[in-house]
Every structure is written in structure tokens, then in C-alpha cells.
Amino acid sequence: MPSYSYKAVDKLGRLAIGQVDAFNEVDLEIRLERMGLDLITFRPAAKSTSLFNSKKVSNQDLVMFCFQLEQLSSAGVPLLECLSDLRESSGNPYFQKVLGAVSAEVEGGKMLSQALAEHPGVFSDVFVSLIDAGEQTGQLPVVLNNLFNTIRWQDELMSQTKKLLMYPAFVAVVVMAAVVFLMTYLVPQMVSFLHNMGQALPLNTQILIAVSNAFVNYWWLVIGLPVIVVVALAALIRANPTARYRFDLLKLNLPVTGPILHKIIMARFARYFALMYQTGIPILEAIKICQNIVGNRVVADALARVHAQINAGDSMSESFRNAGLFPQLVVRMIKVGENTGALDKSLLNISYFYDRDVNDAMQKMLKMIEPALTVILGGILAFIMFSVLGPVYDSFSKLKI
């Protein structure tokens, strides 16, 4: 379906500029009329070739969408007017386009959840399911507020993870740049001098010279081979379910990051499960939806086993215990929730505990990474300097004697 950039006016005569998908000019006018706009001019939207103008909606866009829609709907503003205001206030052109299409579909008679479901790349299945449950129970503002808090929590967690990785990535780039410079410029200049001394070179110097020759003569292989390996592994993991399962299992079993990743997945599962339970979504349906939320095939398969056992008549706590992948804290809190009838509170407590543990673990890891990378960089430089200057020092010692 082609896209059109338009200029229109609303019922108060205010100018509105945007972009909407439509089959033709007539369809464009109909869609704008549903949005309360009268078309002035239009033109086919130019397709952007920029890599930075991708069709992407960030978590921050969704956070503001939930917050503003919850505030407006709680104040009694009609849904179509809410969507129109949200579309005009959004700073993301693609999100404006999506909200315009959603508004047109709601104007055409669809429920909000049905309109959101037409855009699965923006609104996930759990998002649509929660909105649908909120519409059915008349608690849409409550659901939007819960979604706002949950997506904001997830965005803050991702931001912390990026901050944790930023420093190591920067140091790694500096280390690699230093190594490449030494191997391609400094070491080759020293090699001729070492050979002219006419003495036997120690093993570490021979290894350094061999590595330097590899950098100089086979730089294309040194650079291209890691890239090819990474791309090939990524394609294999994406195409092969078995490879994806083993890769996800490997991530959970890594010495340092594995436990942190496990806690992040458990916190995400508990928070979304609690949110769906609060909204009134049945437990079996909530568990099935959570399989697509956790982002790990191993945990998703464990949830599938839990779903099958609960469906067969077992209790929730027993089913989670038998799955073998969920920690005792999760099993114990779910059992408490079953006995007290406050499963949502127990699940939120799980999320709170793991969220706190993840934050502490990330801070500790960040403090460990800084000295570790410094030691690694110092070790590399010390090896290079010792391999180069060691023979020179030995030669000068012999001349002195």
C-alpha cells in the first residue's frame, strides 16, 4: 500500500501535516475524514534511503504512548481525539504514520486492540492482549498505567545494560587499535634491526614477529575471518532451531553473565505474568504468551512444559518445580501466591528481588571489568615491549662486556 504525505485541516481550522497509507486519493480522503480532517493537498511520500530513518518504534515511544493515552482516557477524552493528539505530539514520523492508521481503523469500527493488532511490528502480542483485556473489563486506564510502568522498567534495564557494555567496548576498541598499530608499524621496523644484530631470537620474539607478519601480509584475513564467522553463526542460529536452542543454553551457562541473564529473564517473565494475571487473562493463556516474551528458547520450552502440566491438572508451583529451570525463589513465591490468592503480588515480588540482584550484579561486574581490562591491556603491551626490547637489551649487554 503506497504512502501519502498530506496537508489537512481539522474541524477548528488547525493545520495538520502527516503521512498515511492509502490505496488511492479517494481512500486517502476517506481515511482523513475518519480522523476528523479535511484534505487540502497531498503527494506520494518519498521513500527514504537513509539507514537512520528505519521503521522502528522505540520503548520510549511506547512509554509515552501508554502514559499519554492513560492520562487522556482517565480525563474522559474520547479515544479518537486521544489518538489524534498522540499522533500530532509524537516525534517519530513512522510512529505518527502507525497512529494515523490505528486512528482510521478505530474510526472504521474496530476496537483499539484490533487496530493495534494490525501492526505487530510495533505492538507485541502481549501488548495487544493486555489492551484487549482492559477493554473487555473496562479497566483500560489501569492496564495502560501498568504497561507504562512495565515498559519503562524494561527500557531502564536495557539502558543499564548498554552503559555496562559501553566502557568495555570502548576499551576493547582502544586495545585493538593499539595492537594493530604496534603489529603493523612498530614491530616491522624493529624486526630488521633485530635481524641485523645476528643473534638468536627468543621464542616470544619469534612469536611476535610471526603475528606481526600475519597482520601485515594477511590483514584481510585477520579482519574478514572474524566477521565471516560471526555472520555465519548468526545466520545458522536464526535458521536452525537446534542451533538457536544450543546458543540460548550456552548463554545461560556462561560463568559470569549466565546467572545475570537468567535473573533478567525471570524478572521479565514474572512482571509480565503478574500484569496479565492482574488484567484477567487466564493463567494458561498468560503462560503461552510469556513463551514469546522471555527471549530465550530454553526458558520458552520450560514454560511449554509448565503449560502442559497445568493443563493436565497439576498445581502451578508443582509444574514450575518439575520444569527444572526455575529457581527455588520463583517456585516458592508462586506457591505462596497460590495459597494466599495473591499470585500477582508474589510475582511482582519475584521481579523486585531479581531486579535488585541484577542491578547489584551489574555494578559489581562494572567495577571488575575496569581493572581486568587494564590488566589485559598492560599484559599485551608488556609482552610486546619485552619481546622487542629483550633482545636489544641482551645485545647491548654483550657489547658492554
Protein backbone atom coordinates (compact mmCIF):
# COMPACT_ATOMS: atom_id res chain seq x y z
CA MET A 1 0.00 0.00 0.00
CA PRO A 2 1.51 3.37 -1.00
CA SER A 3 2.08 6.18 1.48
CA TYR A 4 0.97 9.79 1.03
CA SER A 5 2.16 12.95 2.72
CA TYR A 6 -0.76 15.28 3.25
CA LYS A 7 -1.81 18.70 4.46
CA ALA A 8 -5.24 18.93 6.03
CA VAL A 9 -7.31 20.96 8.48
CA ASP A 10 -9.37 19.78 11.42
CA LYS A 11 -12.86 20.99 12.42
CA LEU A 12 -11.36 24.01 14.19
CA GLY A 13 -9.36 25.02 11.14
CA ARG A 14 -5.98 23.95 12.55
CA LEU A 15 -3.41 22.75 10.05
CA ALA A 16 -2.40 19.09 10.27
CA ILE A 17 0.56 17.57 8.41
CA GLY A 18 1.33 13.87 8.33
CA GLN A 19 1.70 10.67 6.38
CA VAL A 20 -0.88 7.91 5.86
CA ASP A 21 -1.06 4.67 3.91
CA ALA A 22 -3.89 4.64 1.37
CA PHE A 23 -4.76 2.80 -1.84
CA ASN A 24 -5.52 5.99 -3.79
CA GLU A 25 -6.70 9.59 -3.44
CA VAL A 26 -10.27 8.61 -2.61
CA ASP A 27 -9.14 6.18 0.06
CA LEU A 28 -6.85 8.89 1.46
CA GLU A 29 -9.77 11.34 1.77
CA ILE A 30 -11.91 8.70 3.48
CA ARG A 31 -9.18 7.86 5.98
CA LEU A 32 -8.60 11.53 6.78
CA GLU A 33 -12.34 12.13 7.20
CA ARG A 34 -12.42 9.31 9.74
CA MET A 35 -9.67 11.14 11.59
CA GLY A 36 -11.70 14.37 11.55
CA LEU A 37 -9.54 16.03 8.88
CA ASP A 38 -10.33 17.68 5.54
CA LEU A 39 -7.70 17.11 2.86
CA ILE A 40 -6.02 20.17 1.31
CA THR A 41 -3.08 18.79 -0.67
CA PHE A 42 -1.20 15.52 -0.87
CA ARG A 43 1.71 13.88 -2.67
CA PRO A 44 3.25 10.40 -2.69
CA ALA A 45 5.65 10.05 0.19
CA ALA A 46 9.29 9.76 -0.82
CA LYS A 47 10.94 6.53 0.25
CA SER A 48 13.90 7.33 2.47
CA THR A 49 17.16 5.59 1.74
CA SER A 50 18.80 6.64 5.00
CA LEU A 51 19.86 3.93 7.37
CA PHE A 52 18.81 6.14 10.27
CA ASN A 53 15.18 6.52 9.15
CA SER A 54 14.19 2.91 9.68
CA LYS A 55 10.69 1.81 10.53
CA LYS A 56 11.30 1.48 14.22
CA VAL A 57 9.39 2.44 17.33
CA SER A 58 11.48 2.60 20.49
CA ASN A 59 10.45 1.64 24.01
CA GLN A 60 10.45 5.33 24.89
CA ASP A 61 7.83 5.95 22.20
CA LEU A 62 5.67 3.18 23.65
CA VAL A 63 6.19 4.51 27.19
CA MET A 64 4.95 7.96 26.18
CA PHE A 65 2.10 6.41 24.20
CA CYS A 66 0.88 4.44 27.24
CA PHE A 67 1.35 7.36 29.63
CA GLN A 68 -0.40 9.97 27.49
CA LEU A 69 -3.23 7.63 26.45
CA GLU A 70 -3.79 6.66 30.11
CA GLN A 71 -3.88 10.33 31.17
CA LEU A 72 -6.21 11.37 28.38
CA SER A 73 -8.58 8.40 28.73
CA SER A 74 -8.72 8.87 32.53
CA ALA A 75 -9.73 12.51 31.91
CA GLY A 76 -12.64 11.34 29.76
CA VAL A 77 -11.22 12.41 26.39
CA PRO A 78 -12.74 10.36 23.53
CA LEU A 79 -10.47 7.67 22.13
CA LEU A 80 -10.28 9.11 18.61
CA GLU A 81 -9.31 12.51 19.96
CA CYS A 82 -6.69 10.83 22.16
CA LEU A 83 -5.16 9.06 19.18
CA SER A 84 -5.17 12.26 17.14
CA ASP A 85 -3.38 14.17 19.90
CA LEU A 86 -0.86 11.36 20.33
CA ARG A 87 -0.15 11.28 16.62
CA GLU A 88 0.49 15.02 16.49
CA SER A 89 2.68 15.03 19.63
CA SER A 90 4.88 12.10 18.58
CA GLY A 91 8.35 12.98 17.34
CA ASN A 92 8.75 9.69 15.44
CA PRO A 93 7.50 10.03 11.83
CA TYR A 94 6.93 6.30 11.48
CA PHE A 95 5.02 6.13 14.76
CA GLN A 96 2.90 9.07 13.58
CA LYS A 97 2.06 7.05 10.50
CA VAL A 98 1.15 4.00 12.59
CA LEU A 99 -1.04 6.03 14.93
CA GLY A 100 -2.76 7.60 11.95
CA ALA A 101 -3.59 4.13 10.60
CA VAL A 102 -4.76 2.99 14.05
CA SER A 103 -6.99 6.05 14.35
CA ALA A 104 -8.50 5.37 10.93
CA GLU A 105 -9.19 1.74 11.83
CA VAL A 106 -10.83 2.71 15.14
CA GLU A 107 -12.91 5.27 13.27
CA GLY A 108 -13.94 2.47 10.92
CA GLY A 109 -15.44 0.49 13.80
CA LYS A 110 -12.61 -1.64 15.15
CA MET A 111 -11.72 -1.95 18.80
CA LEU A 112 -8.42 -0.38 19.86
CA SER A 113 -6.85 -3.81 20.45
CA GLN A 114 -7.92 -4.95 16.99
CA ALA A 115 -6.43 -1.83 15.41
CA LEU A 116 -3.17 -2.28 17.31
CA ALA A 117 -3.01 -5.93 16.25
CA GLU A 118 -2.74 -4.77 12.63
CA HIS A 119 0.78 -3.52 13.45
CA PRO A 120 2.61 -6.49 15.03
CA GLY A 121 5.99 -4.93 14.37
CA VAL A 122 5.14 -2.11 16.79
CA PHE A 123 2.69 -3.62 19.29
CA SER A 124 3.58 -7.08 20.58
CA ASP A 125 1.11 -9.90 21.23
CA VAL A 126 1.22 -9.31 24.98
CA PHE A 127 0.61 -5.59 24.47
CA VAL A 128 -2.43 -6.28 22.31
CA SER A 129 -3.72 -8.98 24.69
CA LEU A 130 -3.49 -6.65 27.67
CA ILE A 131 -5.27 -3.83 25.82
CA ASP A 132 -7.97 -6.30 24.77
CA ALA A 133 -8.40 -7.48 28.36
CA GLY A 134 -8.58 -3.88 29.56
CA GLU A 135 -11.30 -3.11 27.02
CA GLN A 136 -13.28 -6.20 27.99
CA THR A 137 -13.12 -5.43 31.74
CA GLY A 138 -13.46 -1.65 31.45
CA GLN A 139 -10.06 -1.13 33.08
CA LEU A 140 -8.18 0.27 30.10
CA PRO A 141 -6.58 3.18 32.05
CA VAL A 142 -5.32 0.73 34.71
CA VAL A 143 -3.86 -1.54 32.04
CA LEU A 144 -2.19 1.40 30.29
CA ASN A 145 -0.66 2.54 33.58
CA ASN A 146 0.69 -0.97 34.23
CA LEU A 147 2.06 -1.17 30.70
CA PHE A 148 3.69 2.24 31.16
CA ASN A 149 5.48 1.07 34.31
CA THR A 150 6.49 -2.27 32.80
CA ILE A 151 7.85 -0.93 29.51
CA ARG A 152 9.66 1.85 31.37
CA TRP A 153 11.26 -0.76 33.64
CA GLN A 154 12.35 -2.78 30.61
CA ASP A 155 13.76 0.33 28.92
CA GLU A 156 15.71 1.29 32.07
CA LEU A 157 17.11 -2.24 32.26
CA MET A 158 18.25 -2.07 28.65
CA SER A 159 19.80 1.34 29.29
CA GLN A 160 21.77 -0.04 32.25
CA THR A 161 22.96 -2.95 30.12
CA LYS A 162 24.16 -0.58 27.40
CA LYS A 163 26.02 1.52 29.96
CA LEU A 164 27.64 -1.64 31.31
CA LEU A 165 28.84 -2.66 27.85
CA MET A 166 29.88 0.81 26.69
CA TYR A 167 33.11 1.06 28.70
CA PRO A 168 34.38 -2.46 27.90
CA ALA A 169 33.57 -1.94 24.22
CA PHE A 170 35.48 1.37 24.20
CA VAL A 171 38.49 -0.16 25.94
CA ALA A 172 38.41 -3.17 23.59
CA VAL A 173 38.47 -0.85 20.57
CA VAL A 174 41.42 1.06 22.06
CA VAL A 175 43.28 -2.18 22.77
CA MET A 176 42.67 -3.49 19.27
CA ALA A 177 43.78 -0.19 17.72
CA ALA A 178 46.95 -0.21 19.81
CA VAL A 179 47.72 -3.83 18.89
CA VAL A 180 47.13 -3.20 15.18
CA PHE A 181 49.38 -0.13 15.26
CA LEU A 182 52.16 -1.98 17.05
CA MET A 183 51.91 -5.06 14.84
CA THR A 184 51.76 -3.21 11.52
CA TYR A 185 54.08 -0.26 12.17
CA LEU A 186 56.33 -0.56 15.20
CA VAL A 187 57.21 -4.26 15.19
CA PRO A 188 58.11 -4.46 11.43
CA GLN A 189 60.54 -1.57 11.92
CA MET A 190 62.18 -3.35 14.83
CA VAL A 191 62.39 -6.70 13.02
CA SER A 192 65.12 -5.59 10.61
CA PHE A 193 67.13 -4.16 13.48
CA LEU A 194 66.82 -7.40 15.45
CA HIS A 195 67.88 -9.48 12.46
CA ASN A 196 70.91 -7.24 11.84
CA MET A 197 72.17 -7.96 15.33
CA GLY A 198 72.82 -11.52 14.17
CA GLN A 199 71.86 -13.21 17.42
CA ALA A 200 69.34 -15.93 18.09
CA LEU A 201 65.91 -14.55 18.93
CA PRO A 202 63.97 -15.89 21.91
CA LEU A 203 60.72 -17.77 21.38
CA ASN A 204 58.46 -14.92 22.47
CA THR A 205 60.12 -12.58 19.95
CA GLN A 206 59.71 -15.16 17.18
CA ILE A 207 56.02 -15.49 18.06
CA LEU A 208 55.62 -11.70 17.99
CA ILE A 209 57.31 -11.48 14.58
CA ALA A 210 55.08 -14.24 13.20
CA VAL A 211 51.97 -12.45 14.46
CA SER A 212 53.20 -9.16 13.01
CA ASN A 213 53.81 -10.80 9.62
CA ALA A 214 50.30 -12.22 9.71
CA PHE A 215 48.89 -8.75 10.36
CA VAL A 216 50.94 -7.19 7.57
CA ASN A 217 50.58 -9.89 4.91
CA TYR A 218 47.16 -11.30 5.73
CA TRP A 219 45.35 -8.27 7.17
CA TRP A 220 42.32 -9.02 5.02
CA LEU A 221 42.06 -12.46 6.60
CA VAL A 222 42.61 -11.14 10.14
CA ILE A 223 39.78 -8.63 9.65
CA GLY A 224 37.46 -10.68 7.44
CA LEU A 225 37.61 -14.08 9.15
CA PRO A 226 36.01 -12.97 12.46
CA VAL A 227 33.32 -11.09 10.55
CA ILE A 228 32.56 -14.11 8.37
CA VAL A 229 32.44 -16.43 11.39
CA VAL A 230 30.07 -14.12 13.29
CA VAL A 231 27.76 -13.64 10.28
CA ALA A 232 27.71 -17.38 9.54
CA LEU A 233 26.94 -18.27 13.17
CA ALA A 234 24.21 -15.64 13.32
CA ALA A 235 22.61 -16.99 10.14
CA LEU A 236 22.84 -20.56 11.44
CA ILE A 237 21.26 -19.63 14.77
CA ARG A 238 18.49 -17.74 13.01
CA ALA A 239 17.71 -20.53 10.55
CA ASN A 240 18.26 -23.65 12.68
CA PRO A 241 16.04 -24.17 15.76
CA THR A 242 18.52 -26.65 17.25
CA ALA A 243 21.38 -24.17 16.91
CA ARG A 244 19.19 -21.46 18.45
CA TYR A 245 18.37 -23.72 21.39
CA ARG A 246 22.03 -24.60 22.00
CA PHE A 247 23.08 -20.95 21.71
CA ASP A 248 20.43 -19.89 24.25
CA LEU A 249 21.54 -22.73 26.54
CA LEU A 250 25.15 -21.61 26.21
CA LYS A 251 24.20 -18.04 27.17
CA LEU A 252 22.53 -19.31 30.35
CA ASN A 253 25.57 -21.43 31.27
CA LEU A 254 28.26 -18.78 30.82
CA PRO A 255 30.25 -18.31 34.04
CA VAL A 256 29.58 -14.64 34.84
CA THR A 257 26.90 -13.33 32.50
CA GLY A 258 24.78 -16.51 32.54
CA PRO A 259 23.32 -16.06 36.06
CA ILE A 260 22.64 -12.37 35.37
CA LEU A 261 20.83 -13.21 32.12
CA HIS A 262 18.82 -15.88 33.92
CA LYS A 263 17.69 -13.37 36.54
CA ILE A 264 16.78 -10.81 33.87
CA ILE A 265 14.62 -13.40 32.10
CA MET A 266 12.96 -14.43 35.36
CA ALA A 267 12.25 -10.80 36.27
CA ARG A 268 10.75 -10.10 32.84
CA PHE A 269 8.63 -13.25 32.96
CA ALA A 270 7.35 -12.52 36.49
CA ARG A 271 6.48 -8.91 35.74
CA TYR A 272 4.57 -9.62 32.54
CA PHE A 273 2.88 -12.68 34.04
CA ALA A 274 1.73 -10.57 37.01
CA LEU A 275 0.48 -7.87 34.66
CA MET A 276 -1.56 -10.35 32.61
CA TYR A 277 -2.91 -12.03 35.76
CA GLN A 278 -3.99 -8.65 37.17
CA THR A 279 -5.75 -7.82 33.92
CA GLY A 280 -7.78 -11.03 33.99
CA ILE A 281 -6.06 -13.04 31.27
CA PRO A 282 -6.34 -16.79 32.07
CA ILE A 283 -3.22 -18.40 33.52
CA LEU A 284 -2.74 -20.88 30.69
CA GLU A 285 -3.07 -18.17 28.07
CA ALA A 286 -0.69 -15.92 30.03
CA ILE A 287 1.95 -18.66 30.21
CA LYS A 288 1.61 -19.27 26.48
CA ILE A 289 2.08 -15.57 25.75
CA CYS A 290 5.10 -15.46 28.06
CA GLN A 291 6.85 -18.02 25.86
CA ASN A 292 7.31 -15.25 23.28
CA ILE A 293 8.37 -12.67 25.87
CA VAL A 294 11.28 -14.36 27.62
CA GLY A 295 13.52 -14.19 24.53
CA ASN A 296 15.22 -17.50 25.24
CA ARG A 297 14.27 -20.80 23.62
CA VAL A 298 15.37 -22.88 26.62
CA VAL A 299 13.13 -20.94 29.02
CA ALA A 300 10.32 -20.90 26.45
CA ASP A 301 10.44 -24.71 26.21
CA ALA A 302 10.34 -24.92 30.01
CA LEU A 303 7.23 -22.72 30.02
CA ALA A 304 5.69 -25.00 27.40
CA ARG A 305 6.21 -27.95 29.78
CA VAL A 306 4.68 -25.93 32.61
CA HIS A 307 1.68 -25.14 30.40
CA ALA A 308 1.20 -28.82 29.57
CA GLN A 309 1.38 -29.90 33.23
CA ILE A 310 -1.06 -27.24 34.44
CA ASN A 311 -3.39 -28.15 31.60
CA ALA A 312 -3.18 -31.77 32.77
CA GLY A 313 -4.33 -30.77 36.27
CA ASP A 314 -1.11 -30.22 38.24
CA SER A 315 -0.69 -27.22 40.50
CA MET A 316 1.28 -24.20 39.31
CA SER A 317 4.05 -24.50 41.89
CA GLU A 318 4.49 -28.22 41.21
CA SER A 319 4.55 -27.61 37.45
CA PHE A 320 7.21 -24.91 37.75
CA ARG A 321 9.27 -27.13 40.07
CA ASN A 322 9.10 -30.05 37.64
CA ALA A 323 10.24 -27.85 34.74
CA GLY A 324 13.67 -27.83 36.37
CA LEU A 325 14.75 -24.41 35.12
CA PHE A 326 13.02 -22.09 37.54
CA PRO A 327 14.88 -21.18 40.77
CA GLN A 328 13.52 -22.04 44.20
CA LEU A 329 12.58 -18.41 44.77
CA VAL A 330 10.19 -18.49 41.81
CA VAL A 331 8.65 -21.81 42.85
CA ARG A 332 8.30 -20.75 46.48
CA MET A 333 6.71 -17.38 45.70
CA ILE A 334 4.28 -18.95 43.21
CA LYS A 335 3.27 -21.46 45.90
CA VAL A 336 2.71 -18.59 48.34
CA GLY A 337 0.60 -16.82 45.72
CA GLU A 338 -1.47 -19.95 45.18
CA ASN A 339 -2.12 -20.39 48.89
CA THR A 340 -2.94 -16.74 49.58
CA GLY A 341 -4.79 -15.95 46.36
CA ALA A 342 -2.42 -13.05 45.69
CA LEU A 343 -0.42 -14.52 42.82
CA ASP A 344 0.14 -11.14 41.20
CA LYS A 345 1.80 -9.73 44.34
CA SER A 346 4.03 -12.78 44.64
CA LEU A 347 5.09 -12.45 41.01
CA LEU A 348 5.84 -8.75 41.44
CA ASN A 349 7.96 -9.61 44.47
CA ILE A 350 9.93 -12.04 42.30
CA SER A 351 10.51 -9.28 39.77
CA TYR A 352 11.56 -6.88 42.52
CA PHE A 353 14.08 -9.31 44.03
CA TYR A 354 15.65 -10.23 40.71
CA ASP A 355 15.67 -6.64 39.51
CA ARG A 356 17.62 -5.64 42.63
CA ASP A 357 20.02 -8.57 42.23
CA VAL A 358 20.62 -7.71 38.57
CA ASN A 359 21.39 -4.08 39.41
CA ASP A 360 23.85 -5.14 42.13
CA ALA A 361 25.48 -7.73 39.87
CA MET A 362 25.87 -5.21 37.04
CA GLN A 363 27.51 -2.69 39.33
CA LYS A 364 29.92 -5.32 40.65
CA MET A 365 30.70 -6.50 37.13
CA LEU A 366 31.39 -2.95 36.01
CA LYS A 367 33.84 -2.50 38.89
CA MET A 368 35.53 -5.79 37.97
CA ILE A 369 35.71 -5.05 34.24
CA GLU A 370 37.72 -1.83 34.58
CA PRO A 371 40.77 -3.34 36.35
CA ALA A 372 40.51 -6.56 34.34
CA LEU A 373 40.70 -4.70 31.02
CA THR A 374 43.53 -2.56 32.35
CA VAL A 375 45.47 -5.71 33.28
CA ILE A 376 44.80 -7.24 29.86
CA LEU A 377 45.95 -4.10 28.04
CA GLY A 378 49.02 -3.89 30.26
CA GLY A 379 49.82 -7.56 29.67
CA ILE A 380 49.61 -7.18 25.87
CA LEU A 381 51.80 -4.12 25.86
CA ALA A 382 54.27 -5.73 28.30
CA PHE A 383 54.56 -8.82 26.09
CA ILE A 384 55.21 -6.70 23.00
CA MET A 385 57.75 -4.46 24.74
CA PHE A 386 59.53 -7.38 26.39
CA SER A 387 59.69 -9.30 23.10
CA VAL A 388 61.11 -6.27 21.25
CA LEU A 389 63.35 -4.73 23.89
CA GLY A 390 64.58 -8.00 25.42
CA PRO A 391 66.89 -8.91 22.51
CA VAL A 392 68.03 -5.28 22.22
CA TYR A 393 68.98 -5.23 25.90
CA ASP A 394 70.82 -8.56 25.55
CA SER A 395 72.75 -7.19 22.56
CA PHE A 396 73.79 -4.05 24.41
CA SER A 397 74.86 -6.17 27.40
CA LYS A 398 77.17 -8.24 25.18
CA LEU A 399 78.65 -5.11 23.59
CA LYS A 400 79.37 -3.69 27.05
CA ILE A 401 81.22 -6.84 28.06
